[in-house]
Amino acid sequence: MDREKFKENAKKNIDDLFAKIDEMEAKKDKVKAETRAEYEAKINELKAKKDELQKKYEALSEATDEKWDEVKDTFSSAMDSFKEGFSKIASIFK
């Protein structure tokens, strides 16, 4: 995959995941009281990872040719970690 296509896909994935966080946060009032604290804690974890992922994307966007592969790998790893965390939260509260 070429550089521009990778960045385009990365941005789309980020936007989709961030929208899902917003949806989860909007639903937190519907979560049972006994699980609400855990739900909110997990959302806060995702928000922290969201900020980190956004920084990695910015680094990806600004990467020089020499650093591209390294930055791309770092971003991909961060994205995988974010998706894993998101999946765990989603499975807990289904």
N, C-alpha and C. Protein backbone atom coordinates (compact mmCIF):
# COMPACT_ATOMS: atom_id res chain seq x y z
N MET A 1 0.86 -1.18 0.00
CA MET A 1 0.00 0.00 0.00
C MET A 1 0.91 1.24 0.00
N ASP A 2 0.57 2.18 -0.86
CA ASP A 2 1.40 3.38 -0.91
C ASP A 2 1.11 4.30 0.28
N ARG A 3 1.97 5.26 0.43
CA ARG A 3 1.94 6.14 1.59
C ARG A 3 0.62 6.90 1.73
N GLU A 4 0.16 7.51 0.66
CA GLU A 4 -1.06 8.31 0.71
C GLU A 4 -2.28 7.44 1.01
N LYS A 5 -2.34 6.27 0.41
CA LYS A 5 -3.46 5.36 0.65
C LYS A 5 -3.45 4.90 2.11
N PHE A 6 -2.27 4.62 2.65
CA PHE A 6 -2.15 4.21 4.06
C PHE A 6 -2.67 5.33 4.97
N LYS A 7 -2.23 6.56 4.71
CA LYS A 7 -2.67 7.69 5.54
C LYS A 7 -4.18 7.90 5.43
N GLU A 8 -4.72 7.75 4.23
CA GLU A 8 -6.16 7.89 4.02
C GLU A 8 -6.92 6.83 4.81
N ASN A 9 -6.48 5.59 4.74
CA ASN A 9 -7.12 4.51 5.50
C ASN A 9 -6.98 4.72 7.00
N ALA A 10 -5.80 5.18 7.43
CA ALA A 10 -5.56 5.43 8.85
C ALA A 10 -6.52 6.50 9.36
N LYS A 11 -6.69 7.57 8.61
CA LYS A 11 -7.58 8.65 9.02
C LYS A 11 -9.02 8.16 9.11
N LYS A 12 -9.43 7.36 8.14
CA LYS A 12 -10.80 6.81 8.15
C LYS A 12 -11.00 5.93 9.38
N ASN A 13 -10.02 5.06 9.68
CA ASN A 13 -10.13 4.19 10.86
C ASN A 13 -10.20 4.99 12.14
N ILE A 14 -9.38 6.01 12.24
CA ILE A 14 -9.38 6.87 13.43
C ILE A 14 -10.75 7.53 13.58
N ASP A 15 -11.24 8.11 12.52
CA ASP A 15 -12.54 8.80 12.59
C ASP A 15 -13.65 7.84 13.01
N ASP A 16 -13.63 6.63 12.44
CA ASP A 16 -14.65 5.63 12.80
C ASP A 16 -14.56 5.24 14.27
N LEU A 17 -13.36 4.98 14.75
CA LEU A 17 -13.20 4.58 16.14
C LEU A 17 -13.56 5.70 17.11
N PHE A 18 -13.17 6.92 16.77
CA PHE A 18 -13.48 8.05 17.63
C PHE A 18 -14.99 8.28 17.68
N ALA A 19 -15.68 8.07 16.59
CA ALA A 19 -17.14 8.20 16.57
C ALA A 19 -17.78 7.13 17.46
N LYS A 20 -17.20 5.94 17.44
CA LYS A 20 -17.73 4.87 18.29
C LYS A 20 -17.54 5.19 19.77
N ILE A 21 -16.43 5.82 20.12
CA ILE A 21 -16.23 6.25 21.51
C ILE A 21 -17.32 7.24 21.90
N ASP A 22 -17.58 8.18 21.01
CA ASP A 22 -18.63 9.17 21.29
C ASP A 22 -19.98 8.49 21.49
N GLU A 23 -20.27 7.48 20.67
CA GLU A 23 -21.52 6.73 20.82
C GLU A 23 -21.57 6.01 22.16
N MET A 24 -20.46 5.40 22.54
CA MET A 24 -20.41 4.69 23.83
C MET A 24 -20.62 5.66 24.98
N GLU A 25 -20.00 6.82 24.87
CA GLU A 25 -20.14 7.80 25.94
C GLU A 25 -21.59 8.29 26.03
N ALA A 26 -22.23 8.43 24.91
CA ALA A 26 -23.64 8.87 24.91
C ALA A 26 -24.54 7.82 25.55
N LYS A 27 -24.14 6.57 25.49
CA LYS A 27 -24.95 5.48 26.04
C LYS A 27 -24.67 5.19 27.52
N LYS A 28 -23.69 5.86 28.10
CA LYS A 28 -23.29 5.50 29.46
C LYS A 28 -24.40 5.67 30.49
N ASP A 29 -25.32 6.58 30.23
CA ASP A 29 -26.43 6.78 31.17
C ASP A 29 -27.41 5.61 31.14
N LYS A 30 -27.36 4.82 30.09
CA LYS A 30 -28.26 3.67 29.96
C LYS A 30 -27.68 2.40 30.58
N VAL A 31 -26.42 2.49 30.98
CA VAL A 31 -25.76 1.33 31.59
C VAL A 31 -26.24 1.19 33.03
N LYS A 32 -26.41 -0.03 33.46
CA LYS A 32 -26.85 -0.29 34.83
C LYS A 32 -25.91 0.38 35.82
N ALA A 33 -26.46 0.84 36.91
CA ALA A 33 -25.70 1.58 37.91
C ALA A 33 -24.49 0.79 38.41
N GLU A 34 -24.64 -0.51 38.58
CA GLU A 34 -23.54 -1.31 39.14
C GLU A 34 -22.36 -1.47 38.17
N THR A 35 -22.59 -1.24 36.90
CA THR A 35 -21.49 -1.35 35.94
C THR A 35 -21.08 -0.01 35.36
N ARG A 36 -21.77 1.04 35.72
CA ARG A 36 -21.49 2.36 35.14
C ARG A 36 -20.07 2.84 35.44
N ALA A 37 -19.59 2.64 36.66
CA ALA A 37 -18.25 3.10 37.02
C ALA A 37 -17.19 2.39 36.16
N GLU A 38 -17.36 1.09 35.99
CA GLU A 38 -16.42 0.34 35.15
C GLU A 38 -16.50 0.81 33.70
N TYR A 39 -17.69 1.03 33.22
CA TYR A 39 -17.92 1.50 31.85
C TYR A 39 -17.22 2.84 31.64
N GLU A 40 -17.43 3.76 32.58
CA GLU A 40 -16.81 5.09 32.47
C GLU A 40 -15.29 5.00 32.55
N ALA A 41 -14.77 4.13 33.41
CA ALA A 41 -13.32 3.96 33.51
C ALA A 41 -12.75 3.45 32.19
N LYS A 42 -13.44 2.50 31.59
CA LYS A 42 -12.96 1.95 30.31
C LYS A 42 -13.03 3.01 29.20
N ILE A 43 -14.07 3.82 29.21
CA ILE A 43 -14.15 4.90 28.22
C ILE A 43 -13.00 5.88 28.42
N ASN A 44 -12.69 6.18 29.68
CA ASN A 44 -11.57 7.09 29.95
C ASN A 44 -10.25 6.51 29.48
N GLU A 45 -10.08 5.19 29.62
CA GLU A 45 -8.88 4.53 29.09
C GLU A 45 -8.81 4.70 27.57
N LEU A 46 -9.94 4.51 26.93
CA LEU A 46 -9.98 4.67 25.47
C LEU A 46 -9.67 6.10 25.06
N LYS A 47 -10.16 7.06 25.82
CA LYS A 47 -9.88 8.46 25.51
C LYS A 47 -8.39 8.76 25.61
N ALA A 48 -7.73 8.19 26.61
CA ALA A 48 -6.29 8.38 26.74
C ALA A 48 -5.57 7.77 25.54
N LYS A 49 -6.00 6.58 25.15
CA LYS A 49 -5.40 5.93 23.97
C LYS A 49 -5.75 6.72 22.71
N LYS A 50 -6.93 7.33 22.70
CA LYS A 50 -7.35 8.14 21.56
C LYS A 50 -6.38 9.30 21.36
N ASP A 51 -6.03 9.97 22.44
CA ASP A 51 -5.09 11.08 22.36
C ASP A 51 -3.73 10.61 21.84
N GLU A 52 -3.29 9.47 22.35
CA GLU A 52 -2.02 8.90 21.91
C GLU A 52 -2.08 8.53 20.43
N LEU A 53 -3.17 7.93 20.03
CA LEU A 53 -3.34 7.53 18.63
C LEU A 53 -3.37 8.76 17.72
N GLN A 54 -4.01 9.82 18.16
CA GLN A 54 -4.05 11.05 17.37
C GLN A 54 -2.64 11.61 17.18
N LYS A 55 -1.83 11.57 18.22
CA LYS A 55 -0.44 12.04 18.12
C LYS A 55 0.36 11.18 17.15
N LYS A 56 0.12 9.88 17.20
CA LYS A 56 0.82 8.96 16.29
C LYS A 56 0.40 9.24 14.84
N TYR A 57 -0.87 9.56 14.64
CA TYR A 57 -1.33 9.88 13.30
C TYR A 57 -0.68 11.18 12.81
N GLU A 58 -0.58 12.15 13.68
CA GLU A 58 0.07 13.41 13.30
C GLU A 58 1.53 13.17 12.92
N ALA A 59 2.21 12.31 13.69
CA ALA A 59 3.59 11.95 13.36
C ALA A 59 3.64 11.24 12.01
N LEU A 60 2.66 10.41 11.76
CA LEU A 60 2.58 9.69 10.48
C LEU A 60 2.42 10.68 9.33
N SER A 61 1.58 11.67 9.53
CA SER A 61 1.33 12.67 8.49
C SER A 61 2.55 13.51 8.18
N GLU A 62 3.40 13.69 9.19
CA GLU A 62 4.56 14.56 9.04
C GLU A 62 5.86 13.79 8.80
N ALA A 63 5.80 12.48 8.73
CA ALA A 63 7.00 11.65 8.63
C ALA A 63 7.76 11.90 7.33
N THR A 64 9.05 11.94 7.47
CA THR A 64 9.91 12.04 6.29
C THR A 64 10.03 10.66 5.66
N ASP A 65 10.53 10.63 4.45
CA ASP A 65 10.71 9.35 3.76
C ASP A 65 11.60 8.41 4.56
N GLU A 66 12.62 8.96 5.21
CA GLU A 66 13.55 8.15 5.98
C GLU A 66 12.90 7.50 7.19
N LYS A 67 11.94 8.17 7.77
CA LYS A 67 11.29 7.69 8.99
C LYS A 67 9.94 7.02 8.73
N TRP A 68 9.50 7.00 7.49
CA TRP A 68 8.16 6.53 7.17
C TRP A 68 7.88 5.14 7.71
N ASP A 69 8.74 4.17 7.41
CA ASP A 69 8.46 2.80 7.83
C ASP A 69 8.38 2.67 9.34
N GLU A 70 9.27 3.35 10.03
CA GLU A 70 9.27 3.30 11.51
C GLU A 70 7.98 3.92 12.07
N VAL A 71 7.62 5.08 11.57
CA VAL A 71 6.42 5.77 12.05
C VAL A 71 5.17 4.98 11.68
N LYS A 72 5.14 4.41 10.50
CA LYS A 72 4.00 3.60 10.05
C LYS A 72 3.82 2.39 10.97
N ASP A 73 4.92 1.72 11.31
CA ASP A 73 4.84 0.56 12.20
C ASP A 73 4.36 0.97 13.60
N THR A 74 4.85 2.09 14.09
CA THR A 74 4.44 2.58 15.41
C THR A 74 2.95 2.91 15.41
N PHE A 75 2.50 3.56 14.35
CA PHE A 75 1.08 3.89 14.25
C PHE A 75 0.24 2.62 14.18
N SER A 76 0.65 1.68 13.37
CA SER A 76 -0.10 0.43 13.21
C SER A 76 -0.22 -0.32 14.52
N SER A 77 0.85 -0.34 15.29
CA SER A 77 0.84 -0.98 16.59
C SER A 77 -0.13 -0.27 17.54
N ALA A 78 -0.09 1.06 17.55
CA ALA A 78 -0.99 1.84 18.40
C ALA A 78 -2.45 1.61 17.98
N MET A 79 -2.69 1.54 16.70
CA MET A 79 -4.05 1.31 16.20
C MET A 79 -4.54 -0.07 16.62
N ASP A 80 -3.69 -1.06 16.51
CA ASP A 80 -4.07 -2.42 16.94
C ASP A 80 -4.41 -2.45 18.42
N SER A 81 -3.60 -1.78 19.22
CA SER A 81 -3.83 -1.71 20.66
C SER A 81 -5.16 -1.02 20.96
N PHE A 82 -5.43 0.04 20.26
CA PHE A 82 -6.68 0.78 20.45
C PHE A 82 -7.87 -0.10 20.09
N LYS A 83 -7.79 -0.77 18.95
CA LYS A 83 -8.89 -1.64 18.52
C LYS A 83 -9.12 -2.77 19.52
N GLU A 84 -8.03 -3.32 20.05
CA GLU A 84 -8.15 -4.39 21.04
C GLU A 84 -8.87 -3.90 22.29
N GLY A 85 -8.46 -2.73 22.77
CA GLY A 85 -9.12 -2.15 23.94
C GLY A 85 -10.58 -1.86 23.68
N PHE A 86 -10.87 -1.35 22.51
CA PHE A 86 -12.25 -1.06 22.15
C PHE A 86 -13.07 -2.34 22.11
N SER A 87 -12.52 -3.38 21.52
CA SER A 87 -13.25 -4.66 21.43
C SER A 87 -13.53 -5.24 22.81
N LYS A 88 -12.57 -5.12 23.72
CA LYS A 88 -12.78 -5.62 25.07
C LYS A 88 -13.92 -4.90 25.76
N ILE A 89 -13.95 -3.60 25.61
CA ILE A 89 -15.02 -2.81 26.24
C ILE A 89 -16.36 -3.17 25.62
N ALA A 90 -16.40 -3.25 24.32
CA ALA A 90 -17.65 -3.57 23.63
C ALA A 90 -18.18 -4.94 24.06
N SER A 91 -17.27 -5.90 24.21
CA SER A 91 -17.73 -7.23 24.60
C SER A 91 -18.21 -7.29 26.05
N ILE A 92 -17.65 -6.50 26.91
CA ILE A 92 -18.06 -6.47 28.31
C ILE A 92 -19.48 -5.96 28.44
N PHE A 93 -19.85 -4.99 27.64
CA PHE A 93 -21.13 -4.31 27.84
C PHE A 93 -22.17 -4.64 26.79
N LYS A 94 -22.04 -5.78 26.13
CA LYS A 94 -23.07 -6.20 25.19
C LYS A 94 -24.21 -6.86 25.90
